[in-house]
Amino acid sequence: MSDYIVRGMAAGDQIRAFAVTSRDMVEEARKNHNTSPVVTAALGRMLSAGAMMGTMMKGESDLLTLQIQGQGPMRGITVTADSMGNVKGFPNVSDVMLPPNSEGKLDVGGAIGVGILRVIRDMGMKDPYVGTCELKTGEIAEDLTYYFATSEQIPSSVGLGVLMNKNNTVDAAGGFIIQLMPYTDDKTIDKLEENIKNLKPVTTYLSEGKSPEDILGIVLDGLGVEIQDKVETRFKCDCSVERIERSLCSLAMDDIKSIIDDNKPVEIKCQFCNKAYNFSIDDIKKLRGIS
């Protein structure tokens, strides 16, 4: 498998850990939405995080949604993932161009700006769980670290990255999430903090050919990491003609009549994968039972 997630434990089950390589899914998202490099980096980080967080859920029908709403030129991102490694997402604005930040890197924080991060977990209950926090940097990994600590009270470390080629295709993408259990002892915490302090960027490891297993081994060096399982992950959109038809059928009759009066074919694009669905006026009349 090309893109996959590994899940593991360390320090005698005091730490749970996730790592992903996600180059193919991010490249597919880039193609679908024709994103600029900085938007590709932002969307890719969110897809990687969403894929890992999705596998934290248990039920086959559980859904996770990550949303960022920002005041920067990109405006925001939405990503949805399930527990089986399927993930999809879209940026609100796909063609943002910004100069590099002060470190000479893609300015994801500048593209997103100040705003909020929302995490929605739909696990089949009456109401989904919704957690919200303000963005601290807009760089996504730091914001998710802050979210886990404040909204879920789980001390965590999140690393995410996307490395672009000179032709603006994706060279590497991935990340990790490390979380402490409530009973983690001080010695383990000190060792983990030391390891994290000395880490290189995630994309450095990926460009060196390191696997998700290797990355967890580096982050959790000396803490006895044990890989528990490996899950294939991919960009997968579940849009279909039937779903779009249901959307058309839900429109108010005044809106349908306006479309018919325009007498022009209608093209509807899926937000998540940008696939276009085309309907003639006769198609729309047939759907709504109009002769």
C-alpha atoms as a PDB file:
ATOM      1  CA  MET A   1       0.000   0.000   0.000  1.00  0.00           C
ATOM      2  CA  SER A   2       1.211   3.527  -0.747  1.00  0.00           C
ATOM      3  CA  ASP A   3      -0.587   5.741   1.800  1.00  0.00           C
ATOM      4  CA  TYR A   4      -1.123   4.190   5.212  1.00  0.00           C
ATOM      5  CA  ILE A   5      -1.476   4.874   8.922  1.00  0.00           C
ATOM      6  CA  VAL A   6       0.229   2.984  11.712  1.00  0.00           C
ATOM      7  CA  ARG A   7      -1.140   2.910  15.249  1.00  0.00           C
ATOM      8  CA  GLY A   8       0.926   1.971  18.250  1.00  0.00           C
ATOM      9  CA  MET A   9       1.509   2.194  21.995  1.00  0.00           C
ATOM     10  CA  ALA A  10       4.634   2.998  23.976  1.00  0.00           C
ATOM     11  CA  ALA A  11       5.990   3.182  27.507  1.00  0.00           C
ATOM     12  CA  GLY A  12       3.872   0.319  28.750  1.00  0.00           C
ATOM     13  CA  ASP A  13       0.649   1.677  27.213  1.00  0.00           C
ATOM     14  CA  GLN A  14       1.187   5.139  28.715  1.00  0.00           C
ATOM     15  CA  ILE A  15       1.377   6.654  25.218  1.00  0.00           C
ATOM     16  CA  ARG A  16      -0.738   6.047  22.139  1.00  0.00           C
ATOM     17  CA  ALA A  17       0.679   7.041  18.790  1.00  0.00           C
ATOM     18  CA  PHE A  18      -0.344   7.456  15.150  1.00  0.00           C
ATOM     19  CA  ALA A  19       1.714   8.206  12.051  1.00  0.00           C
ATOM     20  CA  VAL A  20       0.758   8.508   8.381  1.00  0.00           C
ATOM     21  CA  THR A  21       2.320   8.811   4.967  1.00  0.00           C
ATOM     22  CA  SER A  22      -0.196  10.543   2.705  1.00  0.00           C
ATOM     23  CA  ARG A  23       1.542  11.728  -0.462  1.00  0.00           C
ATOM     24  CA  ASP A  24      -0.930  10.137  -2.901  1.00  0.00           C
ATOM     25  CA  MET A  25      -4.083  11.431  -1.184  1.00  0.00           C
ATOM     26  CA  VAL A  26      -2.683  14.966  -1.012  1.00  0.00           C
ATOM     27  CA  GLU A  27      -1.614  14.872  -4.660  1.00  0.00           C
ATOM     28  CA  GLU A  28      -5.113  13.695  -5.636  1.00  0.00           C
ATOM     29  CA  ALA A  29      -6.641  16.560  -3.647  1.00  0.00           C
ATOM     30  CA  ARG A  30      -4.248  18.992  -5.354  1.00  0.00           C
ATOM     31  CA  LYS A  31      -5.341  17.756  -8.781  1.00  0.00           C
ATOM     32  CA  ASN A  32      -9.039  17.777  -7.882  1.00  0.00           C
ATOM     33  CA  HIS A  33      -9.021  21.361  -6.655  1.00  0.00           C
ATOM     34  CA  ASN A  34      -6.097  22.741  -8.723  1.00  0.00           C
ATOM     35  CA  THR A  35      -4.634  24.199  -5.536  1.00  0.00           C
ATOM     36  CA  SER A  36      -1.728  26.594  -5.268  1.00  0.00           C
ATOM     37  CA  PRO A  37       1.310  25.360  -3.284  1.00  0.00           C
ATOM     38  CA  VAL A  38       0.352  27.056  -0.008  1.00  0.00           C
ATOM     39  CA  VAL A  39      -3.223  25.773  -0.249  1.00  0.00           C
ATOM     40  CA  THR A  40      -1.948  22.281  -1.080  1.00  0.00           C
ATOM     41  CA  ALA A  41       0.206  22.409   2.060  1.00  0.00           C
ATOM     42  CA  ALA A  42      -2.711  23.503   4.235  1.00  0.00           C
ATOM     43  CA  LEU A  43      -5.212  21.031   2.777  1.00  0.00           C
ATOM     44  CA  GLY A  44      -2.627  18.238   2.897  1.00  0.00           C
ATOM     45  CA  ARG A  45      -1.939  18.801   6.581  1.00  0.00           C
ATOM     46  CA  MET A  46      -5.654  18.711   7.326  1.00  0.00           C
ATOM     47  CA  LEU A  47      -6.166  15.537   5.286  1.00  0.00           C
ATOM     48  CA  SER A  48      -3.296  13.818   7.112  1.00  0.00           C
ATOM     49  CA  ALA A  49      -4.657  14.850  10.501  1.00  0.00           C
ATOM     50  CA  GLY A  50      -8.207  13.889   9.566  1.00  0.00           C
ATOM     51  CA  ALA A  51      -7.123  10.454   8.379  1.00  0.00           C
ATOM     52  CA  MET A  52      -5.330   9.728  11.674  1.00  0.00           C
ATOM     53  CA  MET A  53      -8.115  11.139  13.834  1.00  0.00           C
ATOM     54  CA  GLY A  54     -10.704   9.189  11.863  1.00  0.00           C
ATOM     55  CA  THR A  55      -9.022   5.917  12.808  1.00  0.00           C
ATOM     56  CA  MET A  56      -9.331   6.892  16.483  1.00  0.00           C
ATOM     57  CA  MET A  57     -13.067   6.181  16.156  1.00  0.00           C
ATOM     58  CA  LYS A  58     -14.506   2.688  16.532  1.00  0.00           C
ATOM     59  CA  GLY A  59     -17.739   2.342  14.560  1.00  0.00           C
ATOM     60  CA  GLU A  60     -17.828   1.683  10.825  1.00  0.00           C
ATOM     61  CA  SER A  61     -20.386   4.464  10.351  1.00  0.00           C
ATOM     62  CA  ASP A  62     -18.612   7.006  12.599  1.00  0.00           C
ATOM     63  CA  LEU A  63     -17.627  10.236  10.859  1.00  0.00           C
ATOM     64  CA  LEU A  64     -15.138  12.923  11.799  1.00  0.00           C
ATOM     65  CA  THR A  65     -15.198  16.443  10.367  1.00  0.00           C
ATOM     66  CA  LEU A  66     -12.389  18.961  10.783  1.00  0.00           C
ATOM     67  CA  GLN A  67     -13.218  22.550   9.897  1.00  0.00           C
ATOM     68  CA  ILE A  68     -11.049  25.640   9.938  1.00  0.00           C
ATOM     69  CA  GLN A  69     -12.640  29.039   9.454  1.00  0.00           C
ATOM     70  CA  GLY A  70     -10.074  31.793   9.090  1.00  0.00           C
ATOM     71  CA  GLN A  71      -9.864  35.429   8.138  1.00  0.00           C
ATOM     72  CA  GLY A  72      -6.904  34.906   5.822  1.00  0.00           C
ATOM     73  CA  PRO A  73      -7.254  34.772   2.016  1.00  0.00           C
ATOM     74  CA  MET A  74      -7.910  31.007   2.006  1.00  0.00           C
ATOM     75  CA  ARG A  75     -10.917  31.517   4.311  1.00  0.00           C
ATOM     76  CA  GLY A  76     -11.021  27.922   5.516  1.00  0.00           C
ATOM     77  CA  ILE A  77     -10.812  24.172   4.936  1.00  0.00           C
ATOM     78  CA  THR A  78     -13.192  21.271   5.527  1.00  0.00           C
ATOM     79  CA  VAL A  79     -12.079  17.646   5.818  1.00  0.00           C
ATOM     80  CA  THR A  80     -14.215  14.577   6.532  1.00  0.00           C
ATOM     81  CA  ALA A  81     -12.876  11.135   7.479  1.00  0.00           C
ATOM     82  CA  ASP A  82     -14.260   7.786   8.577  1.00  0.00           C
ATOM     83  CA  SER A  83     -12.803   5.076  10.804  1.00  0.00           C
ATOM     84  CA  MET A  84     -11.550   3.006   7.853  1.00  0.00           C
ATOM     85  CA  GLY A  85      -8.997   5.415   6.406  1.00  0.00           C
ATOM     86  CA  ASN A  86     -11.231   7.171   3.869  1.00  0.00           C
ATOM     87  CA  VAL A  87     -10.811  10.946   3.819  1.00  0.00           C
ATOM     88  CA  LYS A  88     -11.897  13.841   1.604  1.00  0.00           C
ATOM     89  CA  GLY A  89     -11.646  17.606   1.833  1.00  0.00           C
ATOM     90  CA  PHE A  90     -11.739  20.979   0.122  1.00  0.00           C
ATOM     91  CA  PRO A  91     -10.376  24.507   0.609  1.00  0.00           C
ATOM     92  CA  ASN A  92     -12.713  27.488   0.509  1.00  0.00           C
ATOM     93  CA  VAL A  93     -10.308  29.310  -1.847  1.00  0.00           C
ATOM     94  CA  SER A  94      -7.931  27.158  -3.885  1.00  0.00           C
ATOM     95  CA  ASP A  95      -5.653  29.631  -5.679  1.00  0.00           C
ATOM     96  CA  VAL A  96      -4.108  31.712  -2.868  1.00  0.00           C
ATOM     97  CA  MET A  97      -0.570  32.899  -3.574  1.00  0.00           C
ATOM     98  CA  LEU A  98       1.622  34.283  -0.773  1.00  0.00           C
ATOM     99  CA  PRO A  99       5.354  34.924  -0.379  1.00  0.00           C
ATOM    100  CA  PRO A 100       7.283  32.541   1.901  1.00  0.00           C
ATOM    101  CA  ASN A 101       7.133  33.161   5.653  1.00  0.00           C
ATOM    102  CA  SER A 102      10.060  34.381   7.754  1.00  0.00           C
ATOM    103  CA  GLU A 103      11.550  30.847   7.740  1.00  0.00           C
ATOM    104  CA  GLY A 104      11.404  30.635   3.948  1.00  0.00           C
ATOM    105  CA  LYS A 105       8.557  28.108   4.013  1.00  0.00           C
ATOM    106  CA  LEU A 106       5.038  28.087   2.609  1.00  0.00           C
ATOM    107  CA  ASP A 107       3.021  30.546   4.704  1.00  0.00           C
ATOM    108  CA  VAL A 108       0.112  28.324   5.735  1.00  0.00           C
ATOM    109  CA  GLY A 109      -0.555  30.458   8.820  1.00  0.00           C
ATOM    110  CA  GLY A 110      -0.779  33.581   6.698  1.00  0.00           C
ATOM    111  CA  ALA A 111      -3.137  31.912   4.228  1.00  0.00           C
ATOM    112  CA  ILE A 112      -5.504  30.823   7.007  1.00  0.00           C
ATOM    113  CA  GLY A 113      -5.200  33.794   9.370  1.00  0.00           C
ATOM    114  CA  VAL A 114      -6.917  34.123  12.722  1.00  0.00           C
ATOM    115  CA  GLY A 115     -10.057  32.079  13.244  1.00  0.00           C
ATOM    116  CA  ILE A 116     -11.412  28.903  14.777  1.00  0.00           C
ATOM    117  CA  LEU A 117     -10.883  25.145  14.549  1.00  0.00           C
ATOM    118  CA  ARG A 118     -13.923  22.902  14.905  1.00  0.00           C
ATOM    119  CA  VAL A 119     -13.869  19.118  15.394  1.00  0.00           C
ATOM    120  CA  ILE A 120     -17.155  17.263  14.879  1.00  0.00           C
ATOM    121  CA  ARG A 121     -17.508  13.576  15.732  1.00  0.00           C
ATOM    122  CA  ASP A 122     -20.733  11.931  14.550  1.00  0.00           C
ATOM    123  CA  MET A 123     -20.925   8.523  16.224  1.00  0.00           C
ATOM    124  CA  GLY A 124     -24.605   7.798  15.666  1.00  0.00           C
ATOM    125  CA  MET A 125     -25.774   9.475  18.871  1.00  0.00           C
ATOM    126  CA  LYS A 126     -28.659  11.937  18.986  1.00  0.00           C
ATOM    127  CA  ASP A 127     -26.266  14.844  18.666  1.00  0.00           C
ATOM    128  CA  PRO A 128     -22.677  14.804  17.371  1.00  0.00           C
ATOM    129  CA  TYR A 129     -19.816  15.839  19.640  1.00  0.00           C
ATOM    130  CA  VAL A 130     -18.539  19.295  18.676  1.00  0.00           C
ATOM    131  CA  GLY A 131     -15.295  20.751  20.039  1.00  0.00           C
ATOM    132  CA  THR A 132     -14.085  24.242  19.156  1.00  0.00           C
ATOM    133  CA  CYS A 133     -10.986  26.282  19.869  1.00  0.00           C
ATOM    134  CA  GLU A 134      -9.402  29.420  18.498  1.00  0.00           C
ATOM    135  CA  LEU A 135      -6.514  29.127  16.091  1.00  0.00           C
ATOM    136  CA  LYS A 136      -3.177  29.861  17.710  1.00  0.00           C
ATOM    137  CA  THR A 137      -0.929  29.941  14.652  1.00  0.00           C
ATOM    138  CA  GLY A 138      -2.951  28.754  11.640  1.00  0.00           C
ATOM    139  CA  GLU A 139      -0.162  26.244  10.993  1.00  0.00           C
ATOM    140  CA  ILE A 140      -2.640  23.414  11.844  1.00  0.00           C
ATOM    141  CA  ALA A 141      -0.349  21.039  13.782  1.00  0.00           C
ATOM    142  CA  GLU A 142       0.077  23.527  16.617  1.00  0.00           C
ATOM    143  CA  ASP A 143      -3.632  24.321  16.533  1.00  0.00           C
ATOM    144  CA  LEU A 144      -4.576  20.648  16.841  1.00  0.00           C
ATOM    145  CA  THR A 145      -2.122  20.236  19.712  1.00  0.00           C
ATOM    146  CA  TYR A 146      -3.871  23.131  21.451  1.00  0.00           C
ATOM    147  CA  TYR A 147      -7.300  21.684  20.617  1.00  0.00           C
ATOM    148  CA  PHE A 148      -6.522  18.284  22.152  1.00  0.00           C
ATOM    149  CA  ALA A 149      -5.212  19.917  25.336  1.00  0.00           C
ATOM    150  CA  THR A 150      -8.065  22.382  25.832  1.00  0.00           C
ATOM    151  CA  SER A 151     -11.156  20.707  24.351  1.00  0.00           C
ATOM    152  CA  GLU A 152     -10.428  17.045  25.074  1.00  0.00           C
ATOM    153  CA  GLN A 153      -7.948  17.411  27.961  1.00  0.00           C
ATOM    154  CA  ILE A 154      -5.493  15.050  26.242  1.00  0.00           C
ATOM    155  CA  PRO A 155      -1.857  16.210  26.308  1.00  0.00           C
ATOM    156  CA  SER A 156      -0.702  15.654  22.728  1.00  0.00           C
ATOM    157  CA  SER A 157       1.971  16.445  20.202  1.00  0.00           C
ATOM    158  CA  VAL A 158       1.026  16.804  16.541  1.00  0.00           C
ATOM    159  CA  GLY A 159       3.430  17.011  13.613  1.00  0.00           C
ATOM    160  CA  LEU A 160       2.236  17.552  10.027  1.00  0.00           C
ATOM    161  CA  GLY A 161       3.946  18.411   6.783  1.00  0.00           C
ATOM    162  CA  VAL A 162       3.679  18.633   3.006  1.00  0.00           C
ATOM    163  CA  LEU A 163       6.740  18.946   0.762  1.00  0.00           C
ATOM    164  CA  MET A 164       6.227  20.307  -2.752  1.00  0.00           C
ATOM    165  CA  ASN A 165       8.239  19.673  -5.913  1.00  0.00           C
ATOM    166  CA  LYS A 166       9.394  22.567  -8.083  1.00  0.00           C
ATOM    167  CA  ASN A 167       6.595  21.774 -10.564  1.00  0.00           C
ATOM    168  CA  ASN A 168       4.071  22.201  -7.692  1.00  0.00           C
ATOM    169  CA  THR A 169       3.229  18.507  -7.421  1.00  0.00           C
ATOM    170  CA  VAL A 170       3.423  16.833  -4.008  1.00  0.00           C
ATOM    171  CA  ASP A 171       6.746  15.179  -3.167  1.00  0.00           C
ATOM    172  CA  ALA A 172       5.889  13.936   0.338  1.00  0.00           C
ATOM    173  CA  ALA A 173       3.168  14.360   2.952  1.00  0.00           C
ATOM    174  CA  GLY A 174       2.357  12.896   6.333  1.00  0.00           C
ATOM    175  CA  GLY A 175       2.470  13.404  10.058  1.00  0.00           C
ATOM    176  CA  PHE A 176       2.093  11.988  13.542  1.00  0.00           C
ATOM    177  CA  ILE A 177      -0.085  12.356  16.626  1.00  0.00           C
ATOM    178  CA  ILE A 178       1.278  11.379  20.043  1.00  0.00           C
ATOM    179  CA  GLN A 179      -1.076  11.328  23.044  1.00  0.00           C
ATOM    180  CA  LEU A 180      -0.431  10.774  26.757  1.00  0.00           C
ATOM    181  CA  MET A 181      -2.694   8.615  28.869  1.00  0.00           C
ATOM    182  CA  PRO A 182      -3.853  10.127  32.216  1.00  0.00           C
ATOM    183  CA  TYR A 183      -1.514   7.845  34.174  1.00  0.00           C
ATOM    184  CA  THR A 184       1.687   8.711  32.263  1.00  0.00           C
ATOM    185  CA  ASP A 185       4.588   9.128  34.693  1.00  0.00           C
ATOM    186  CA  ASP A 186       6.975  12.100  34.811  1.00  0.00           C
ATOM    187  CA  LYS A 187       9.989  10.106  33.597  1.00  0.00           C
ATOM    188  CA  THR A 188       8.140   9.131  30.433  1.00  0.00           C
ATOM    189  CA  ILE A 189       6.947  12.679  29.863  1.00  0.00           C
ATOM    190  CA  ASP A 190      10.469  14.062  30.262  1.00  0.00           C
ATOM    191  CA  LYS A 191      11.876  11.570  27.757  1.00  0.00           C
ATOM    192  CA  LEU A 192       9.132  12.295  25.235  1.00  0.00           C
ATOM    193  CA  GLU A 193       9.630  16.052  25.565  1.00  0.00           C
ATOM    194  CA  GLU A 194      13.360  15.601  24.964  1.00  0.00           C
ATOM    195  CA  ASN A 195      12.690  13.542  21.845  1.00  0.00           C
ATOM    196  CA  ILE A 196      10.196  16.045  20.448  1.00  0.00           C
ATOM    197  CA  LYS A 197      12.546  18.967  21.095  1.00  0.00           C
ATOM    198  CA  ASN A 198      15.156  17.343  18.832  1.00  0.00           C
ATOM    199  CA  LEU A 199      12.830  16.351  15.988  1.00  0.00           C
ATOM    200  CA  LYS A 200      13.380  17.427  12.394  1.00  0.00           C
ATOM    201  CA  PRO A 201      10.353  18.466  10.307  1.00  0.00           C
ATOM    202  CA  VAL A 202       8.155  15.513   9.334  1.00  0.00           C
ATOM    203  CA  THR A 203       8.800  16.113   5.636  1.00  0.00           C
ATOM    204  CA  THR A 204      12.540  15.809   6.219  1.00  0.00           C
ATOM    205  CA  TYR A 205      12.072  12.253   7.482  1.00  0.00           C
ATOM    206  CA  LEU A 206       9.654  11.413   4.669  1.00  0.00           C
ATOM    207  CA  SER A 207      11.964  12.801   1.976  1.00  0.00           C
ATOM    208  CA  GLU A 208      14.745  10.680   3.470  1.00  0.00           C
ATOM    209  CA  GLY A 209      12.590   7.618   2.840  1.00  0.00           C
ATOM    210  CA  LYS A 210      11.489   7.117   6.443  1.00  0.00           C
ATOM    211  CA  SER A 211       8.245   5.185   6.909  1.00  0.00           C
ATOM    212  CA  PRO A 212       5.487   5.939   9.446  1.00  0.00           C
ATOM    213  CA  GLU A 213       6.944   3.116  11.563  1.00  0.00           C
ATOM    214  CA  ASP A 214      10.368   4.786  11.392  1.00  0.00           C
ATOM    215  CA  ILE A 215       8.908   8.141  12.383  1.00  0.00           C
ATOM    216  CA  LEU A 216       7.197   6.693  15.455  1.00  0.00           C
ATOM    217  CA  GLY A 217      10.468   4.982  16.316  1.00  0.00           C
ATOM    218  CA  ILE A 218      12.231   8.358  16.225  1.00  0.00           C
ATOM    219  CA  VAL A 219       9.569  10.289  18.138  1.00  0.00           C
ATOM    220  CA  LEU A 220       9.281   7.539  20.753  1.00  0.00           C
ATOM    221  CA  ASP A 221      12.948   6.573  20.888  1.00  0.00           C
ATOM    222  CA  GLY A 222      13.764   4.843  24.175  1.00  0.00           C
ATOM    223  CA  LEU A 223      10.091   4.435  25.086  1.00  0.00           C
ATOM    224  CA  GLY A 224       9.493   0.927  23.769  1.00  0.00           C
ATOM    225  CA  VAL A 225       7.091   1.686  20.924  1.00  0.00           C
ATOM    226  CA  GLU A 226       5.006  -1.254  19.702  1.00  0.00           C
ATOM    227  CA  ILE A 227       3.163  -1.018  16.374  1.00  0.00           C
ATOM    228  CA  GLN A 228      -0.313  -2.490  16.782  1.00  0.00           C
ATOM    229  CA  ASP A 229      -1.769  -2.237  13.298  1.00  0.00           C
ATOM    230  CA  LYS A 230      -1.521  -0.701   9.866  1.00  0.00           C
ATOM    231  CA  VAL A 231      -4.470   0.864   8.009  1.00  0.00           C
ATOM    232  CA  GLU A 232      -4.546   1.829   4.344  1.00  0.00           C
ATOM    233  CA  THR A 233      -5.726   5.411   3.824  1.00  0.00           C
ATOM    234  CA  ARG A 234      -6.891   7.228   0.701  1.00  0.00           C
ATOM    235  CA  PHE A 235      -8.737  10.259  -0.694  1.00  0.00           C
ATOM    236  CA  LYS A 236     -12.211   8.888  -1.343  1.00  0.00           C
ATOM    237  CA  CYS A 237     -15.332  10.861  -2.144  1.00  0.00           C
ATOM    238  CA  ASP A 238     -18.749   9.204  -1.947  1.00  0.00           C
ATOM    239  CA  CYS A 239     -20.536  11.640  -4.235  1.00  0.00           C
ATOM    240  CA  SER A 240     -22.763  10.130  -6.947  1.00  0.00           C
ATOM    241  CA  VAL A 241     -25.440  11.008  -9.476  1.00  0.00           C
ATOM    242  CA  GLU A 242     -28.051   9.750  -7.003  1.00  0.00           C
ATOM    243  CA  ARG A 243     -26.809  12.074  -4.241  1.00  0.00           C
ATOM    244  CA  ILE A 244     -26.853  15.080  -6.577  1.00  0.00           C
ATOM    245  CA  GLU A 245     -30.343  14.132  -7.780  1.00  0.00           C
ATOM    246  CA  ARG A 246     -31.536  14.042  -4.175  1.00  0.00           C
ATOM    247  CA  SER A 247     -30.087  17.530  -3.694  1.00  0.00           C
ATOM    248  CA  LEU A 248     -31.980  18.783  -6.735  1.00  0.00           C
ATOM    249  CA  CYS A 249     -35.167  17.179  -5.478  1.00  0.00           C
ATOM    250  CA  SER A 250     -34.786  19.024  -2.177  1.00  0.00           C
ATOM    251  CA  LEU A 251     -34.766  22.452  -3.841  1.00  0.00           C
ATOM    252  CA  ALA A 252     -37.822  24.636  -3.444  1.00  0.00           C
ATOM    253  CA  MET A 253     -40.177  24.577  -6.412  1.00  0.00           C
ATOM    254  CA  ASP A 254     -39.573  28.305  -7.025  1.00  0.00           C
ATOM    255  CA  ASP A 255     -35.861  27.560  -7.472  1.00  0.00           C
ATOM    256  CA  ILE A 256     -36.641  24.682  -9.836  1.00  0.00           C
ATOM    257  CA  LYS A 257     -38.931  26.894 -11.918  1.00  0.00           C
ATOM    258  CA  SER A 258     -36.191  29.541 -12.091  1.00  0.00           C
ATOM    259  CA  ILE A 259     -33.742  26.949 -13.424  1.00  0.00           C
ATOM    260  CA  ILE A 260     -36.287  25.774 -15.997  1.00  0.00           C
ATOM    261  CA  ASP A 261     -37.051  29.346 -17.064  1.00  0.00           C
ATOM    262  CA  ASP A 262     -33.345  29.962 -17.700  1.00  0.00           C
ATOM    263  CA  ASN A 263     -33.522  27.037 -20.121  1.00  0.00           C
ATOM    264  CA  LYS A 264     -29.817  26.216 -19.720  1.00  0.00           C
ATOM    265  CA  PRO A 265     -28.212  22.904 -18.736  1.00  0.00           C
ATOM    266  CA  VAL A 266     -27.126  22.803 -15.101  1.00  0.00           C
ATOM    267  CA  GLU A 267     -23.659  21.766 -13.952  1.00  0.00           C
ATOM    268  CA  ILE A 268     -23.257  20.865 -10.274  1.00  0.00           C
ATOM    269  CA  LYS A 269     -19.811  20.202  -8.831  1.00  0.00           C
ATOM    270  CA  CYS A 270     -19.078  18.176  -5.712  1.00  0.00           C
ATOM    271  CA  GLN A 271     -17.366  20.400  -3.149  1.00  0.00           C
ATOM    272  CA  PHE A 272     -15.104  17.614  -1.941  1.00  0.00           C
ATOM    273  CA  CYS A 273     -13.733  16.182  -5.188  1.00  0.00           C
ATOM    274  CA  ASN A 274     -14.779  18.819  -7.753  1.00  0.00           C
ATOM    275  CA  LYS A 275     -16.393  16.218 -10.018  1.00  0.00           C
ATOM    276  CA  ALA A 276     -18.973  17.789 -12.314  1.00  0.00           C
ATOM    277  CA  TYR A 277     -22.488  16.416 -12.790  1.00  0.00           C
ATOM    278  CA  ASN A 278     -24.527  17.748 -15.727  1.00  0.00           C
ATOM    279  CA  PHE A 279     -28.314  17.847 -16.013  1.00  0.00           C
ATOM    280  CA  SER A 280     -30.434  18.970 -18.927  1.00  0.00           C
ATOM    281  CA  ILE A 281     -33.684  20.831 -18.413  1.00  0.00           C
ATOM    282  CA  ASP A 282     -35.526  17.645 -19.382  1.00  0.00           C
ATOM    283  CA  ASP A 283     -33.575  15.750 -16.694  1.00  0.00           C
ATOM    284  CA  ILE A 284     -34.639  18.268 -14.064  1.00  0.00           C
ATOM    285  CA  LYS A 285     -38.279  18.219 -15.192  1.00  0.00           C
ATOM    286  CA  LYS A 286     -38.284  14.436 -15.025  1.00  0.00           C
ATOM    287  CA  LEU A 287     -36.779  14.433 -11.514  1.00  0.00           C
ATOM    288  CA  ARG A 288     -39.463  16.801 -10.235  1.00  0.00           C
ATOM    289  CA  GLY A 289     -42.319  15.237 -12.202  1.00  0.00           C
ATOM    290  CA  ILE A 290     -42.887  18.311 -14.343  1.00  0.00           C
ATOM    291  CA  SER A 291     -44.313  17.728 -17.797  1.00  0.00           C
END
